[in-house]
Protein backbone atom coordinates (compact mmCIF):
# COMPACT_ATOMS: atom_id res chain seq x y z
CA MET A 1 -18.98 27.74 -63.43
CA SER A 2 -21.38 29.96 -61.01
CA PHE A 3 -23.61 28.13 -58.62
CA THR A 4 -27.22 27.93 -59.74
CA GLY A 5 -28.51 25.40 -57.31
CA ILE A 6 -28.42 21.60 -56.25
CA PRO A 7 -30.76 19.62 -58.50
CA THR A 8 -33.30 17.12 -57.29
CA ALA A 9 -31.32 14.62 -59.42
CA ALA A 10 -28.67 14.65 -56.70
CA LEU A 11 -31.16 13.47 -54.19
CA ASP A 12 -32.52 10.83 -56.52
CA PHE A 13 -28.87 9.66 -57.09
CA TYR A 14 -28.48 9.09 -53.56
CA GLU A 15 -31.82 7.23 -53.08
CA ASP A 16 -31.03 4.97 -55.87
CA LEU A 17 -27.45 4.45 -54.43
CA GLU A 18 -28.75 3.54 -50.91
CA ALA A 19 -30.75 0.74 -52.62
CA ASP A 20 -27.74 -0.41 -54.87
CA ASN A 21 -24.77 0.34 -53.30
CA THR A 22 -22.26 -1.34 -55.74
CA LYS A 23 -19.47 -0.71 -57.84
CA ALA A 24 -21.58 -1.61 -60.99
CA PHE A 25 -24.37 1.08 -60.00
CA TRP A 26 -21.51 3.59 -59.37
CA THR A 27 -19.81 2.88 -62.63
CA ALA A 28 -22.95 3.23 -64.42
CA HIS A 29 -24.21 6.53 -62.72
CA LYS A 30 -20.97 8.15 -62.35
CA ALA A 31 -21.90 10.78 -64.77
CA THR A 32 -25.00 11.65 -62.93
CA TYR A 33 -22.79 12.08 -59.63
CA ASP A 34 -20.35 14.40 -61.45
CA GLU A 35 -23.07 16.42 -62.96
CA ALA A 36 -25.77 16.66 -60.26
CA VAL A 37 -23.64 16.34 -57.11
CA ARG A 38 -20.17 16.94 -57.54
CA ALA A 39 -20.33 19.93 -60.11
CA PRO A 40 -23.12 22.02 -58.21
CA LEU A 41 -21.35 21.53 -54.82
CA GLU A 42 -17.99 22.66 -56.17
CA ALA A 43 -19.38 25.68 -57.48
CA LEU A 44 -21.40 26.40 -54.33
CA ILE A 45 -18.10 26.03 -52.17
CA ALA A 46 -16.14 28.29 -54.49
CA GLU A 47 -18.73 30.84 -53.74
CA LEU A 48 -19.10 30.04 -49.96
CA GLU A 49 -15.29 29.98 -49.59
CA ARG A 50 -15.06 33.82 -49.85
CA GLU A 51 -16.90 34.21 -46.46
CA PHE A 52 -16.36 30.88 -44.63
CA GLY A 53 -12.71 29.99 -45.68
CA PRO A 54 -11.22 26.90 -47.59
CA ALA A 55 -13.26 23.96 -47.93
CA LYS A 56 -12.49 20.34 -48.30
CA LEU A 57 -15.07 18.35 -50.33
CA PHE A 58 -15.12 14.66 -48.93
CA ARG A 59 -14.05 11.74 -50.82
CA PRO A 60 -17.10 9.72 -51.96
CA TYR A 61 -15.91 6.46 -51.18
CA ARG A 62 -15.95 4.59 -47.68
CA ASP A 63 -12.85 3.58 -45.70
CA VAL A 64 -14.24 -0.15 -45.13
CA ARG A 65 -10.74 -1.40 -43.90
CA PHE A 66 -12.13 -1.62 -40.35
CA SER A 67 -15.90 -1.79 -41.01
CA LYS A 68 -18.11 -4.67 -40.84
CA ASP A 69 -20.22 -2.88 -43.21
CA LYS A 70 -18.34 -3.25 -46.65
CA THR A 71 -20.44 -1.19 -48.81
CA PRO A 72 -18.31 0.92 -50.99
CA TYR A 73 -19.74 4.31 -51.23
CA LYS A 74 -20.98 7.21 -48.71
CA THR A 75 -24.73 7.80 -49.03
CA HIS A 76 -23.80 11.53 -48.71
CA GLN A 77 -21.67 14.17 -50.23
CA GLY A 78 -20.03 16.32 -47.66
CA ALA A 79 -18.00 19.54 -47.31
CA TRP A 80 -16.01 20.96 -44.37
CA PHE A 81 -15.10 24.52 -44.11
CA GLY A 82 -12.54 24.54 -41.37
CA GLU A 83 -11.72 27.85 -40.66
CA SER A 84 -15.47 28.57 -39.66
CA SER A 85 -16.17 25.04 -38.43
CA THR A 86 -19.27 24.67 -40.65
CA TYR A 87 -20.29 21.63 -42.74
CA LEU A 88 -22.91 20.56 -45.20
CA HIS A 89 -23.82 17.57 -47.24
CA ILE A 90 -26.41 16.29 -49.71
CA SER A 91 -28.01 13.00 -49.55
CA ALA A 92 -31.31 11.33 -50.05
CA ALA A 93 -32.86 13.03 -47.28
CA GLY A 94 -32.02 16.55 -48.94
CA LEU A 95 -29.76 19.36 -47.36
CA PHE A 96 -27.85 19.09 -44.00
CA LEU A 97 -26.27 21.98 -42.47
CA ALA A 98 -24.19 21.95 -39.25
CA GLY A 99 -21.52 23.75 -37.39
CA GLY A 100 -19.36 23.43 -34.12
CA TYR A 101 -16.66 21.23 -32.77
CA TRP A 102 -17.22 17.45 -33.69
CA GLU A 103 -14.18 15.93 -32.59
CA THR A 104 -12.16 17.14 -29.59
CA SER A 105 -8.83 16.08 -27.90
CA SER A 106 -8.75 15.73 -24.07
CA PRO A 107 -7.16 19.06 -23.49
CA GLN A 108 -10.14 20.59 -25.59
CA VAL A 109 -12.78 18.79 -23.59
CA ASP A 110 -11.01 19.96 -20.30
CA ARG A 111 -11.07 23.69 -21.63
CA LEU A 112 -14.68 23.31 -22.85
CA ARG A 113 -15.76 21.95 -19.34
CA ARG A 114 -13.78 24.79 -17.38
CA ALA A 115 -15.49 27.47 -19.70
CA VAL A 116 -18.97 25.68 -19.18
CA ALA A 117 -18.42 26.15 -15.40
CA ASP A 118 -17.17 29.35 -15.42
CA ASP A 119 -20.12 32.02 -14.57
CA VAL A 120 -19.25 34.45 -17.34
CA ALA A 121 -18.52 32.28 -20.12
CA GLY A 122 -20.99 29.57 -19.09
CA ALA A 123 -23.87 32.08 -18.96
CA GLU A 124 -22.71 33.37 -22.56
CA LEU A 125 -22.92 29.90 -23.83
CA GLU A 126 -26.31 29.33 -22.73
CA ARG A 127 -27.50 32.61 -24.25
CA THR A 128 -25.88 31.56 -27.35
CA LEU A 129 -27.27 28.09 -27.62
CA ALA A 130 -30.80 29.41 -26.85
CA ALA A 131 -30.63 31.81 -29.87
CA VAL A 132 -29.24 28.99 -31.96
CA ARG A 133 -32.12 26.87 -30.83
CA LYS A 134 -34.62 29.58 -31.76
CA LYS A 135 -33.19 29.59 -35.43
CA GLY A 136 -34.32 26.00 -35.77
CA PHE A 137 -30.97 24.25 -34.94
CA GLU A 138 -30.53 21.21 -32.93
CA ILE A 139 -27.88 21.21 -30.29
CA GLY A 140 -25.72 17.91 -30.14
CA GLY A 141 -22.39 16.55 -29.49
CA ASP A 142 -20.56 13.51 -27.49
CA ARG A 143 -21.61 13.46 -24.05
CA ILE A 144 -20.91 11.34 -21.15
CA THR A 145 -23.93 10.03 -18.92
CA ARG A 146 -22.98 12.12 -15.72
CA VAL A 147 -21.49 15.06 -14.61
CA PRO A 148 -17.50 14.69 -14.71
CA SER A 149 -15.68 14.37 -11.57
CA GLY A 150 -14.35 17.74 -10.30
CA TYR A 151 -17.53 19.49 -10.97
CA PRO A 152 -20.60 19.63 -8.45
CA LYS A 153 -23.28 17.48 -9.44
CA ASP A 154 -25.75 20.20 -8.75
CA HIS A 155 -23.91 22.50 -10.87
CA PRO A 156 -26.24 25.24 -12.85
CA ARG A 157 -25.04 23.86 -16.01
CA ALA A 158 -24.61 20.33 -15.20
CA ASP A 159 -26.14 19.20 -18.21
CA LEU A 160 -23.64 21.16 -20.32
CA LEU A 161 -20.84 19.98 -18.42
CA THR A 162 -21.73 16.44 -19.76
CA TYR A 163 -20.71 17.59 -23.27
CA LYS A 164 -17.42 16.38 -24.85
CA SER A 165 -17.86 18.12 -27.94
CA LEU A 166 -20.67 20.76 -29.17
CA THR A 167 -22.53 20.96 -32.24
CA ALA A 168 -25.51 22.59 -33.95
CA SER A 169 -27.17 21.12 -37.07
CA GLN A 170 -30.30 21.37 -38.95
CA GLN A 171 -31.95 18.83 -41.65
CA LEU A 172 -33.59 21.00 -44.22
CA GLY A 173 -34.83 18.41 -46.52
CA CYS A 174 -35.51 19.72 -50.07
CA PRO A 175 -37.02 23.31 -49.98
CA ASP A 176 -38.06 24.88 -52.98
CA TRP A 177 -35.01 27.03 -52.97
CA LEU A 178 -32.68 24.09 -53.00
CA SER A 179 -32.32 23.84 -56.83
CA THR A 180 -32.09 27.75 -57.29
CA ALA A 181 -29.02 30.00 -56.74
CA LYS A 182 -30.97 31.16 -53.64
CA ALA A 183 -29.44 28.26 -51.89
CA LYS A 184 -26.39 29.98 -51.35
CA THR A 185 -28.20 32.80 -49.71
CA GLU A 186 -30.08 30.37 -47.31
CA ILE A 187 -26.97 28.59 -46.35
CA THR A 188 -25.08 31.72 -45.66
CA LYS A 189 -27.86 32.81 -43.57
CA ARG A 190 -27.93 30.01 -41.31
CA TRP A 191 -24.36 29.68 -40.88
CA ARG A 192 -24.16 33.16 -39.87
CA ALA A 193 -26.67 32.44 -37.25
CA LEU A 194 -24.04 29.61 -36.00
CA ALA A 195 -21.16 32.29 -35.89
CA PRO A 196 -21.79 33.20 -32.05
CA LEU A 197 -21.59 29.48 -31.20
CA THR A 198 -18.37 28.81 -33.26
CA ALA A 199 -16.71 31.91 -31.93
CA TRP A 200 -17.35 31.00 -28.50
CA LEU A 201 -15.99 27.57 -29.14
CA ASP A 202 -12.88 29.37 -30.86
CA THR A 203 -12.60 31.56 -27.90
CA HIS A 204 -12.94 29.21 -25.21
CA VAL A 205 -11.79 25.87 -26.37
CA GLY A 206 -9.64 26.65 -29.34
CA ARG A 207 -7.91 24.42 -31.92
CA ASP A 208 -4.99 22.04 -30.96
């Protein structure tokens, strides 16, 4: 099955699920999920994998074992491309794209901070983040409230030193091209714009 777009029915499905997140609703509308959400995303993933590597399509069910919120279903459908550190999901709000390192171990955080503090690597990161922002992405990640110990509080990149993980994301909503095959081209273009950031992270932080 070739990718032809993500129908607005997918967004409508999640809008309705947000209003009625129950097994009864899910059972009654499972066919809509399969046809409007899962099938288009599987087709999209199959085509994107050629450039961005194997993807994981997340399960639609929430893990409620340790959560006070016992609603059984996720209100978005996400896919993670591990090799390229890129992510997308569909929800009632539309298409969301992101890239970067979401979860980091202590050694990774240490390597991130050392790279940020380094004059060459840190300056490269600043240029990379500026370019990513110009493409419409918002920079995010887990942060601490102050410069970590071992680094001067007046460091020229003090703000970046507070990051424990580093991501870039863009909420695109429901553009006209979302329901067409052009969605693949638009996603590809934006993920390519993130490639310098993910390459910097791969080089200076790396994977555990």
